[in-house]
Amino acid sequence: SMTFSLRNDTIFITEVEEAALCFCDCLYDLNFSLNNIEAKEYIISFIEPYCGEQANLEVSINFGETISGTLCVDRTQYPWGAE
């Protein structure tokens, strides 16, 4: 699941593992909607539980110019692939 928080111009989306049911971590798509926020530019920063030293996943979006977007990144280190 995810939790959301807003600080200044940054929206933090924290991924949360509800239960550790197996010894793997599958890649998956996240779809979410943000409501009742000002139509301006924001940075969306994802807090990933197993990111380690991989690059942080952040994207800038201007909700005054667009209302939707798509972002796709590769994750190649553990637990998603060999180091």
N, C-alpha and C. Protein backbone atom coordinates (compact mmCIF):
# COMPACT_ATOMS: atom_id res chain seq x y z
N SER A 1 0.85 -1.18 0.00
CA SER A 1 0.00 0.00 0.00
C SER A 1 0.89 1.23 0.00
N MET A 2 0.28 2.42 0.03
CA MET A 2 1.02 3.67 -0.01
C MET A 2 0.46 4.64 1.01
N THR A 3 1.33 5.52 1.49
CA THR A 3 0.88 6.66 2.27
C THR A 3 1.38 7.91 1.56
N PHE A 4 0.67 9.01 1.74
CA PHE A 4 1.00 10.26 1.08
C PHE A 4 1.24 11.34 2.11
N SER A 5 2.17 12.24 1.83
CA SER A 5 2.34 13.44 2.64
C SER A 5 2.81 14.57 1.73
N LEU A 6 2.52 15.79 2.14
CA LEU A 6 2.89 16.97 1.36
C LEU A 6 3.71 17.90 2.25
N ARG A 7 4.90 18.28 1.77
CA ARG A 7 5.76 19.21 2.50
C ARG A 7 6.30 20.21 1.49
N ASN A 8 5.91 21.47 1.65
CA ASN A 8 6.29 22.55 0.72
C ASN A 8 5.84 22.19 -0.69
N ASP A 9 6.78 22.01 -1.63
CA ASP A 9 6.40 21.68 -3.00
C ASP A 9 6.65 20.21 -3.34
N THR A 10 6.82 19.36 -2.32
CA THR A 10 7.12 17.95 -2.56
C THR A 10 6.01 17.06 -2.00
N ILE A 11 5.56 16.15 -2.85
CA ILE A 11 4.59 15.13 -2.46
C ILE A 11 5.39 13.85 -2.23
N PHE A 12 5.36 13.34 -1.03
CA PHE A 12 6.06 12.10 -0.69
C PHE A 12 5.07 10.94 -0.75
N ILE A 13 5.44 9.92 -1.50
CA ILE A 13 4.63 8.71 -1.58
C ILE A 13 5.49 7.59 -1.02
N THR A 14 5.08 7.07 0.12
CA THR A 14 5.83 6.03 0.79
C THR A 14 5.18 4.68 0.54
N GLU A 15 5.94 3.78 -0.07
CA GLU A 15 5.45 2.42 -0.31
C GLU A 15 5.60 1.63 0.98
N VAL A 16 4.56 0.89 1.34
CA VAL A 16 4.53 0.15 2.59
C VAL A 16 4.18 -1.30 2.30
N GLU A 17 4.98 -2.20 2.84
CA GLU A 17 4.69 -3.63 2.71
C GLU A 17 3.74 -4.01 3.84
N GLU A 18 2.55 -4.47 3.48
CA GLU A 18 1.53 -4.81 4.48
C GLU A 18 1.91 -6.04 5.30
N ALA A 19 2.49 -7.04 4.62
CA ALA A 19 2.88 -8.27 5.31
C ALA A 19 4.01 -8.93 4.52
N ALA A 20 4.94 -9.50 5.21
CA ALA A 20 6.03 -10.22 4.55
C ALA A 20 5.60 -11.68 4.37
N LEU A 21 5.01 -11.95 3.21
CA LEU A 21 4.44 -13.29 2.98
C LEU A 21 5.36 -14.22 2.21
N CYS A 22 6.43 -13.68 1.63
CA CYS A 22 7.35 -14.54 0.89
C CYS A 22 8.73 -13.90 0.90
N PHE A 23 9.70 -14.58 0.32
CA PHE A 23 11.08 -14.09 0.31
C PHE A 23 11.43 -13.45 -1.03
N CYS A 24 10.54 -12.67 -1.57
CA CYS A 24 10.80 -11.96 -2.82
C CYS A 24 10.08 -10.61 -2.76
N ASP A 25 10.33 -9.78 -3.74
CA ASP A 25 9.66 -8.49 -3.82
C ASP A 25 9.35 -8.24 -5.28
N CYS A 26 8.12 -8.43 -5.66
CA CYS A 26 7.72 -8.31 -7.06
C CYS A 26 7.64 -6.85 -7.48
N LEU A 27 8.00 -6.60 -8.72
CA LEU A 27 7.77 -5.27 -9.29
C LEU A 27 6.29 -5.16 -9.63
N TYR A 28 5.73 -4.00 -9.45
CA TYR A 28 4.32 -3.83 -9.71
C TYR A 28 4.04 -2.40 -10.11
N ASP A 29 2.91 -2.20 -10.75
CA ASP A 29 2.47 -0.88 -11.15
C ASP A 29 1.68 -0.23 -10.03
N LEU A 30 1.89 1.06 -9.83
CA LEU A 30 1.12 1.83 -8.86
C LEU A 30 0.24 2.80 -9.62
N ASN A 31 -1.01 2.80 -9.32
CA ASN A 31 -1.94 3.78 -9.88
C ASN A 31 -2.58 4.51 -8.71
N PHE A 32 -2.55 5.82 -8.75
CA PHE A 32 -3.13 6.59 -7.66
C PHE A 32 -3.64 7.92 -8.19
N SER A 33 -4.52 8.52 -7.43
CA SER A 33 -5.08 9.83 -7.75
C SER A 33 -4.85 10.77 -6.58
N LEU A 34 -4.50 12.00 -6.88
CA LEU A 34 -4.36 13.04 -5.87
C LEU A 34 -5.50 14.03 -6.07
N ASN A 35 -6.17 14.36 -5.00
CA ASN A 35 -7.29 15.29 -5.08
C ASN A 35 -7.07 16.46 -4.14
N ASN A 36 -7.71 17.57 -4.45
CA ASN A 36 -7.71 18.75 -3.59
C ASN A 36 -6.32 19.31 -3.33
N ILE A 37 -5.50 19.39 -4.37
CA ILE A 37 -4.20 20.04 -4.26
C ILE A 37 -4.17 21.22 -5.23
N GLU A 38 -3.36 22.19 -4.91
CA GLU A 38 -3.24 23.38 -5.74
C GLU A 38 -2.62 23.03 -7.10
N ALA A 39 -3.14 23.63 -8.16
CA ALA A 39 -2.65 23.37 -9.52
C ALA A 39 -1.36 24.16 -9.74
N LYS A 40 -0.23 23.56 -9.33
CA LYS A 40 1.09 24.18 -9.50
C LYS A 40 2.11 23.07 -9.68
N GLU A 41 3.39 23.43 -9.73
CA GLU A 41 4.45 22.45 -9.93
C GLU A 41 4.83 21.79 -8.61
N TYR A 42 4.99 20.48 -8.65
CA TYR A 42 5.39 19.69 -7.48
C TYR A 42 6.50 18.73 -7.88
N ILE A 43 7.24 18.30 -6.89
CA ILE A 43 8.14 17.16 -7.03
C ILE A 43 7.44 15.99 -6.36
N ILE A 44 7.36 14.88 -7.05
CA ILE A 44 6.81 13.67 -6.44
C ILE A 44 7.99 12.77 -6.12
N SER A 45 8.14 12.43 -4.86
CA SER A 45 9.26 11.64 -4.38
C SER A 45 8.74 10.33 -3.79
N PHE A 46 9.19 9.22 -4.34
CA PHE A 46 8.78 7.90 -3.86
C PHE A 46 9.79 7.40 -2.84
N ILE A 47 9.29 6.95 -1.71
CA ILE A 47 10.12 6.35 -0.67
C ILE A 47 9.91 4.85 -0.78
N GLU A 48 10.93 4.16 -1.27
CA GLU A 48 10.84 2.72 -1.53
C GLU A 48 11.53 1.95 -0.41
N PRO A 49 10.88 0.91 0.13
CA PRO A 49 11.46 0.20 1.28
C PRO A 49 12.75 -0.55 0.98
N TYR A 50 12.98 -0.94 -0.27
CA TYR A 50 14.17 -1.74 -0.58
C TYR A 50 15.08 -1.06 -1.60
N CYS A 51 15.02 0.25 -1.71
CA CYS A 51 15.77 0.98 -2.73
C CYS A 51 17.27 0.91 -2.51
N GLY A 52 17.70 0.90 -1.26
CA GLY A 52 19.14 0.85 -0.98
C GLY A 52 19.85 2.06 -1.54
N GLU A 53 20.94 1.82 -2.26
CA GLU A 53 21.74 2.92 -2.81
C GLU A 53 21.40 3.25 -4.25
N GLN A 54 20.31 2.69 -4.77
CA GLN A 54 19.88 3.05 -6.11
C GLN A 54 19.36 4.49 -6.11
N ALA A 55 19.33 5.10 -7.27
CA ALA A 55 18.86 6.48 -7.39
C ALA A 55 17.44 6.61 -6.86
N ASN A 56 17.20 7.70 -6.13
CA ASN A 56 15.85 7.97 -5.65
C ASN A 56 14.93 8.21 -6.83
N LEU A 57 13.72 7.77 -6.67
CA LEU A 57 12.71 7.93 -7.72
C LEU A 57 11.96 9.23 -7.45
N GLU A 58 12.27 10.26 -8.24
CA GLU A 58 11.62 11.56 -8.11
C GLU A 58 11.28 12.08 -9.49
N VAL A 59 10.17 12.77 -9.58
CA VAL A 59 9.73 13.35 -10.85
C VAL A 59 9.07 14.68 -10.56
N SER A 60 9.23 15.62 -11.47
CA SER A 60 8.59 16.93 -11.35
C SER A 60 7.37 16.95 -12.25
N ILE A 61 6.27 17.48 -11.76
CA ILE A 61 5.05 17.59 -12.56
C ILE A 61 4.35 18.90 -12.23
N ASN A 62 3.85 19.55 -13.25
CA ASN A 62 3.11 20.79 -13.08
C ASN A 62 1.64 20.51 -13.29
N PHE A 63 0.88 20.46 -12.21
CA PHE A 63 -0.56 20.17 -12.31
C PHE A 63 -1.34 21.34 -12.89
N GLY A 64 -0.68 22.48 -13.10
CA GLY A 64 -1.31 23.59 -13.81
C GLY A 64 -1.30 23.37 -15.31
N GLU A 65 -0.42 22.47 -15.78
CA GLU A 65 -0.29 22.18 -17.21
C GLU A 65 -0.82 20.81 -17.61
N THR A 66 -0.80 19.87 -16.69
CA THR A 66 -1.26 18.51 -16.99
C THR A 66 -1.91 17.92 -15.75
N ILE A 67 -2.78 16.95 -15.95
CA ILE A 67 -3.44 16.31 -14.80
C ILE A 67 -3.10 14.84 -14.68
N SER A 68 -2.24 14.34 -15.57
CA SER A 68 -1.87 12.93 -15.46
C SER A 68 -0.48 12.73 -16.05
N GLY A 69 0.11 11.59 -15.73
CA GLY A 69 1.42 11.28 -16.26
C GLY A 69 1.79 9.84 -15.98
N THR A 70 2.86 9.40 -16.61
CA THR A 70 3.36 8.05 -16.45
C THR A 70 4.87 8.11 -16.26
N LEU A 71 5.37 7.29 -15.37
CA LEU A 71 6.80 7.20 -15.13
C LEU A 71 7.16 5.73 -15.00
N CYS A 72 8.23 5.32 -15.67
CA CYS A 72 8.68 3.94 -15.60
C CYS A 72 10.19 3.97 -15.38
N VAL A 73 10.66 3.19 -14.42
CA VAL A 73 12.09 3.11 -14.14
C VAL A 73 12.50 1.65 -14.02
N ASP A 74 13.77 1.38 -14.33
CA ASP A 74 14.33 0.04 -14.15
C ASP A 74 14.91 -0.06 -12.75
N ARG A 75 14.71 -1.18 -12.14
CA ARG A 75 15.35 -1.51 -10.87
C ARG A 75 16.09 -2.82 -11.11
N THR A 76 17.42 -2.77 -10.99
CA THR A 76 18.22 -3.94 -11.35
C THR A 76 18.99 -4.55 -10.18
N GLN A 77 18.95 -3.90 -9.02
CA GLN A 77 19.63 -4.44 -7.86
C GLN A 77 18.67 -5.24 -7.00
N TYR A 78 19.21 -5.98 -6.07
CA TYR A 78 18.41 -6.79 -5.15
C TYR A 78 17.34 -5.92 -4.51
N PRO A 79 16.12 -6.38 -4.35
CA PRO A 79 15.64 -7.73 -4.61
C PRO A 79 15.07 -7.94 -6.00
N TRP A 80 15.28 -6.98 -6.91
CA TRP A 80 14.67 -7.07 -8.24
C TRP A 80 15.58 -7.71 -9.26
N GLY A 81 16.85 -7.82 -9.01
CA GLY A 81 17.78 -8.42 -9.96
C GLY A 81 19.14 -8.60 -9.31
N ALA A 82 20.04 -9.18 -10.04
CA ALA A 82 21.39 -9.45 -9.51
C ALA A 82 22.17 -8.15 -9.35
N GLU A 83 23.02 -8.11 -8.38
CA GLU A 83 23.88 -6.93 -8.18
C GLU A 83 25.13 -7.04 -8.98
